[in-house]
Each structure stands twice: as C-alpha cells, then as structure tokens.
Protein backbone atom coordinates (compact mmCIF):
# COMPACT_ATOMS: atom_id res chain seq x y z
CA MET A 1 -184.13 33.48 -85.53
CA ASP A 2 -181.30 35.85 -86.46
CA PHE A 3 -182.74 39.14 -87.71
CA THR A 4 -179.39 40.92 -88.05
CA SER A 5 -179.38 40.57 -91.85
CA ILE A 6 -182.53 42.71 -92.19
CA GLN A 7 -182.11 44.87 -89.07
CA SER A 8 -180.08 47.58 -90.80
CA ALA A 9 -182.64 47.96 -93.60
CA ASP A 10 -185.43 48.09 -91.03
CA ILE A 11 -183.68 50.83 -89.06
CA GLU A 12 -182.99 52.85 -92.21
CA ILE A 13 -186.65 52.72 -93.23
CA MET A 14 -187.79 53.64 -89.73
CA ASN A 15 -185.55 56.68 -89.68
CA LEU A 16 -186.97 57.77 -93.05
CA ILE A 17 -190.49 57.42 -91.66
CA GLY A 18 -190.04 58.89 -88.21
CA GLY A 19 -186.69 60.62 -88.27
CA ASN A 20 -188.19 64.09 -87.96
CA HIS A 21 -190.66 63.77 -85.12
CA SER A 22 -193.08 66.50 -84.10
CA LEU A 23 -195.35 66.71 -81.08
CA PHE A 24 -198.36 66.71 -83.42
CA ALA A 25 -197.29 63.61 -85.36
CA ASP A 26 -196.32 61.77 -82.16
CA SER A 27 -199.72 62.43 -80.62
CA PHE A 28 -201.60 61.74 -83.87
CA MET A 29 -199.94 58.36 -84.37
CA SER A 30 -200.39 57.44 -80.71
CA VAL A 31 -204.13 58.09 -81.04
CA LEU A 32 -204.49 56.12 -84.28
CA THR A 33 -202.60 53.09 -82.99
CA HIS A 34 -204.92 52.71 -79.99
CA PRO A 35 -207.69 50.13 -80.59
CA PHE A 36 -210.26 52.16 -78.62
CA THR A 37 -209.92 55.02 -81.12
CA TRP A 38 -211.53 52.86 -83.78
CA ILE A 39 -214.57 51.75 -81.75
CA PRO A 40 -216.95 54.06 -83.69
CA PHE A 41 -215.63 52.57 -86.92
CA TYR A 42 -216.16 49.03 -85.62
CA ILE A 43 -219.72 49.98 -84.68
CA ALA A 44 -220.30 51.41 -88.16
CA LEU A 45 -219.12 48.15 -89.74
CA PHE A 46 -221.36 46.17 -87.39
CA ILE A 47 -224.36 48.32 -88.30
CA MET A 48 -223.58 47.82 -91.99
CA ILE A 49 -223.53 44.04 -91.52
CA ILE A 50 -226.81 44.05 -89.57
CA LYS A 51 -228.63 46.22 -92.10
CA ASN A 52 -227.52 44.22 -95.12
CA ASN A 53 -228.20 40.67 -93.95
CA GLU A 54 -231.68 39.29 -93.42
CA THR A 55 -231.33 36.65 -90.72
CA ILE A 56 -229.85 36.68 -87.23
CA LYS A 57 -228.20 33.36 -88.03
CA HIS A 58 -226.29 34.86 -90.95
CA ILE A 59 -225.30 37.97 -88.98
CA LEU A 60 -223.97 35.86 -86.12
CA PHE A 61 -222.10 33.66 -88.57
CA ILE A 62 -220.41 36.71 -90.13
CA MET A 63 -219.40 37.96 -86.69
CA LEU A 64 -218.01 34.51 -85.91
CA MET A 65 -215.92 34.67 -89.08
CA VAL A 66 -214.63 38.11 -88.11
CA PHE A 67 -213.68 36.70 -84.71
CA MET A 68 -211.93 33.76 -86.38
CA SER A 69 -210.00 36.19 -88.57
CA VAL A 70 -208.71 37.97 -85.47
CA LEU A 71 -208.12 34.73 -83.59
CA PHE A 72 -205.98 33.05 -86.23
CA SER A 73 -204.15 36.19 -87.34
CA GLY A 74 -203.31 38.01 -84.12
CA ILE A 75 -203.91 35.83 -81.10
CA LEU A 76 -202.00 32.92 -82.62
CA ASP A 77 -199.17 35.36 -83.26
CA ASN A 78 -199.11 36.49 -79.62
CA ILE A 79 -199.20 33.03 -78.06
CA ALA A 80 -196.99 31.14 -80.50
CA VAL A 81 -195.07 33.15 -83.09
CA LYS A 82 -193.74 36.01 -80.97
CA PRO A 83 -192.43 33.78 -78.14
CA PHE A 84 -190.78 31.49 -80.70
CA PHE A 85 -188.86 34.22 -82.55
CA ALA A 86 -188.44 36.43 -79.44
CA ARG A 87 -187.49 39.53 -81.40
CA LEU A 88 -187.24 42.58 -79.17
CA ARG A 89 -189.30 45.61 -80.04
CA PRO A 90 -187.26 48.44 -81.61
CA PHE A 91 -187.58 50.77 -78.62
CA ALA A 92 -186.51 47.94 -76.28
CA ASP A 93 -183.64 46.58 -78.37
CA PRO A 94 -180.32 47.95 -77.05
CA ALA A 95 -178.76 47.44 -80.49
CA ALA A 96 -181.46 49.39 -82.32
CA SER A 97 -182.92 51.98 -79.94
CA PRO A 98 -179.84 54.29 -79.90
CA LEU A 99 -180.11 54.52 -83.69
CA LEU A 100 -183.78 55.46 -83.71
CA SER A 101 -185.78 58.58 -82.95
CA LEU A 102 -188.06 57.22 -80.23
CA VAL A 103 -191.47 58.56 -79.27
CA PRO A 104 -191.73 59.20 -75.51
CA GLY A 105 -194.30 57.17 -73.62
CA VAL A 106 -194.48 54.17 -75.96
CA ASP A 107 -194.19 51.09 -73.77
CA ASP A 108 -195.87 48.08 -75.42
CA SER A 109 -195.10 44.76 -73.79
CA GLY A 110 -194.18 41.53 -75.55
CA TYR A 111 -192.05 40.77 -78.57
CA SER A 112 -191.98 42.39 -81.99
CA PHE A 113 -192.24 39.74 -84.73
CA PHE A 114 -194.73 39.90 -86.20
CA SER A 115 -197.18 42.79 -85.77
CA ALA A 116 -200.52 41.54 -84.43
CA HIS A 117 -202.05 44.98 -85.14
CA SER A 118 -201.19 44.58 -88.82
CA ALA A 119 -202.28 40.95 -88.98
CA ASN A 120 -205.61 41.58 -87.22
CA THR A 121 -206.60 44.58 -89.28
CA MET A 122 -205.56 43.08 -92.62
CA ALA A 123 -207.33 39.77 -91.93
CA VAL A 124 -210.59 41.59 -91.14
CA ALA A 125 -210.07 43.97 -94.07
CA VAL A 126 -209.59 41.16 -96.59
CA PHE A 127 -212.49 39.09 -95.26
CA LEU A 128 -214.99 41.97 -95.23
CA SER A 129 -213.80 43.33 -98.58
CA LEU A 130 -214.33 39.97 -100.27
CA MET A 131 -217.74 39.68 -98.64
CA VAL A 132 -218.98 43.19 -99.52
CA ARG A 133 -217.43 43.49 -103.02
CA SER A 134 -217.08 47.25 -103.34
CA ARG A 135 -214.00 49.02 -104.66
CA VAL A 136 -214.58 52.00 -102.36
CA PHE A 137 -215.07 49.74 -99.34
CA THR A 138 -211.95 47.72 -100.20
CA LEU A 139 -209.87 50.90 -100.40
CA LEU A 140 -211.37 52.03 -97.09
CA MET A 141 -210.46 48.78 -95.33
CA MET A 142 -206.96 48.67 -96.83
CA ALA A 143 -206.37 52.26 -95.71
CA TRP A 144 -207.51 51.38 -92.18
CA SER A 145 -205.14 48.43 -91.98
CA LEU A 146 -202.16 50.25 -93.51
CA ILE A 147 -202.63 53.28 -91.22
CA ASN A 148 -202.49 50.96 -88.22
CA GLY A 149 -199.36 49.29 -89.58
CA TYR A 150 -197.69 52.61 -90.34
CA SER A 151 -198.40 53.87 -86.83
CA ARG A 152 -196.61 50.85 -85.36
CA ILE A 153 -193.49 51.63 -87.37
CA TYR A 154 -193.62 55.35 -86.59
CA LEU A 155 -193.90 54.69 -82.86
CA CYS A 156 -190.99 52.21 -83.00
CA ALA A 157 -193.25 49.48 -81.63
CA HIS A 158 -192.48 47.29 -84.66
CA TYR A 159 -189.91 47.05 -87.41
CA PRO A 160 -191.12 47.42 -91.02
CA SER A 161 -190.46 43.71 -91.59
CA ASP A 162 -192.70 42.92 -88.59
CA VAL A 163 -195.51 44.95 -90.13
CA LEU A 164 -195.01 43.51 -93.62
CA ALA A 165 -195.07 39.95 -92.27
CA GLY A 166 -198.19 40.77 -90.26
CA LEU A 167 -199.96 42.22 -93.29
CA LEU A 168 -199.13 39.20 -95.45
CA TRP A 169 -200.17 36.72 -92.75
CA GLY A 170 -203.37 38.67 -92.11
CA ALA A 171 -204.21 38.74 -95.83
CA LEU A 172 -203.74 34.97 -96.04
CA ILE A 173 -205.93 34.35 -92.99
CA GLY A 174 -208.61 36.72 -94.28
CA LEU A 175 -208.69 34.85 -97.60
CA ILE A 176 -208.87 31.43 -95.94
CA VAL A 177 -211.65 32.56 -93.60
CA TYR A 178 -213.60 33.98 -96.55
CA ILE A 179 -213.30 30.68 -98.44
CA ILE A 180 -214.70 28.88 -95.38
CA TYR A 181 -217.43 31.50 -95.09
CA GLY A 182 -218.38 31.11 -98.75
CA LYS A 183 -218.77 27.35 -98.45
CA ILE A 184 -221.05 27.59 -95.41
CA ALA A 185 -222.96 30.84 -96.08
CA ARG A 186 -224.86 29.37 -99.03
CA LYS A 187 -226.41 26.85 -96.67
CA ILE A 188 -227.57 29.60 -94.30
CA GLU A 189 -228.97 32.12 -96.74
CA PRO A 190 -229.26 32.22 -100.57
CA VAL A 191 -226.46 34.17 -102.28
CA TYR A 192 -227.62 36.54 -105.01
CA SER A 193 -225.66 38.59 -107.51
CA TYR A 194 -227.04 42.13 -107.69
CA VAL A 195 -226.83 44.53 -110.62
CA SER A 196 -227.81 47.86 -109.11
CA SER A 197 -226.69 51.44 -108.66
CA GLU A 198 -227.68 51.25 -104.99
CA TYR A 199 -226.12 47.93 -103.96
CA THR A 200 -222.88 46.05 -104.49
CA SER A 201 -222.92 42.73 -106.33
CA ARG A 202 -223.36 41.06 -102.93
CA GLY A 203 -226.27 43.25 -101.89
CA TYR A 204 -224.54 45.74 -99.60
CA SER A 205 -225.94 49.25 -99.71
CA PHE A 206 -223.61 51.93 -101.03
CA GLY A 207 -225.28 54.27 -98.55
CA ASP A 208 -224.14 52.10 -95.65
CA ILE A 209 -220.63 51.96 -97.11
CA ASP A 210 -220.67 55.76 -97.28
CA MET A 211 -221.73 55.80 -93.62
CA ALA A 212 -218.74 53.65 -92.64
CA THR A 213 -216.46 55.84 -94.77
CA SER A 214 -217.74 58.98 -93.02
CA VAL A 215 -217.06 57.47 -89.60
CA PHE A 216 -213.55 56.57 -90.77
CA VAL A 217 -212.91 60.15 -91.91
CA PHE A 218 -214.30 61.60 -88.67
CA THR A 219 -212.00 59.26 -86.73
CA LEU A 220 -209.02 60.67 -88.61
CA ILE A 221 -210.27 64.20 -87.89
CA TYR A 222 -210.54 63.26 -84.21
CA GLY A 223 -206.92 62.07 -84.36
CA VAL A 224 -205.86 65.38 -85.91
CA ILE A 225 -207.64 67.34 -83.18
CA ARG A 226 -206.03 65.20 -80.50
CA GLY A 227 -202.69 65.77 -82.19
CA PHE A 228 -202.98 69.51 -81.62
CA ILE A 229 -204.14 69.24 -78.01
C-alpha cells in the first residue's frame, strides 16, 4: 500500500506533538508505553471483575472474552496486517526519520501499520466499558487507551494514522466481542438491571471502580516520578 499521500500530514502532526522534546517527557512516555508499567492496573481490573461476578464460570468467561479482544485486535494485526502493508516505523523510515525529532533508545521491531498497542487497549476498553456501564469507568478506559496511543506517536514508533486505524479497529473488535459476550452470558448467569447509588446498572460496585481509578492515577504518578529520575 502506498502511504505517501498521508505521510506528510502524519509527519506534520508528529512534529506538533513531539517537536519540542524534553528528557522528562521522553522518559515519561517511554514508561507509559511499556506494557509492564500497567500491570497494577490490569490487576485492579481483574480484582474488580472477580468481586463483581458470582460464579467462577462467569469470571473465566469474561477473561476469555478479554483474551479474544486482544487476540483479534492486536495479534491478528501483527501476524497478518503489518506484514501485508509492510509500512516502516517512523524512526526506521529513511524518508521520514530525518524530518522527525526522534527519541533516543526507541527500537521497536516489526512494521508500523497499524498500532497493535492502540488496537489492544481500545478493544479491551470498549468491551469492559460496555460490560460495566459506568460513565466514570468508560472515561477511565478511554483515557488509558488514548494515552497508550499518544505515547506511540510521541516516541515515533507509529504514525498518527497507524494509531487512528488501531483505535478504530480495536473499537470494532471490542463491540463485536461484547455482542458475543451478551448472547452467551445470559446462559451462564442471570443478567439484572440495578438501580442503586452503590452499583452500576450491571451490578459493578462504584467503590471497585474508584479502586481501579486510583491505581490508574498512581500509575501516572509513577510515570512522572520516573520521568524526573
């Protein structure tokens, strides 16, 4: 695929985002883009799922759906889409890299289109948001996904169009997986609609959502601290 028609717009946007690099921002974004940084947040989401579902069968089914979201959004991208389009990453593209302000030490392998980080996070974000049904939780998950996507652009690991395509693909996969989940979940465990100040309409505790939000904020604080070190 010929990406030259959108390459110039991509480069212009990237220079607006990361044109004025600082050691703090470089380190901060490098921390946030690393999957291991978010392990406490993943654990918090897992705890939330365990506490708000009654049967092991339902919990395992939800985790299977999360895995399917990642499988069809990101892994399919890595084994099929990226090799097909074979778009070089910005920092590795000889036509683009001289025009960009690169962050030292970024050396991701593979091709650029589209961003598996963006697809993975958005697919999980959409699926869990539809399942939990909380405005605060939805904003939390969208922020998590968009931060990951932004970091990929800032670090010149992906073009903005790579991230946008990944987000759209991830959102579609998350929606499809949720539809499949909805059709099967009713056979595993009754689905109730709650009217409560303590629970979402799907029975998820606002306290557990606050716990996940706190872990998210502390992760950002950790990234800030690492940015200064």
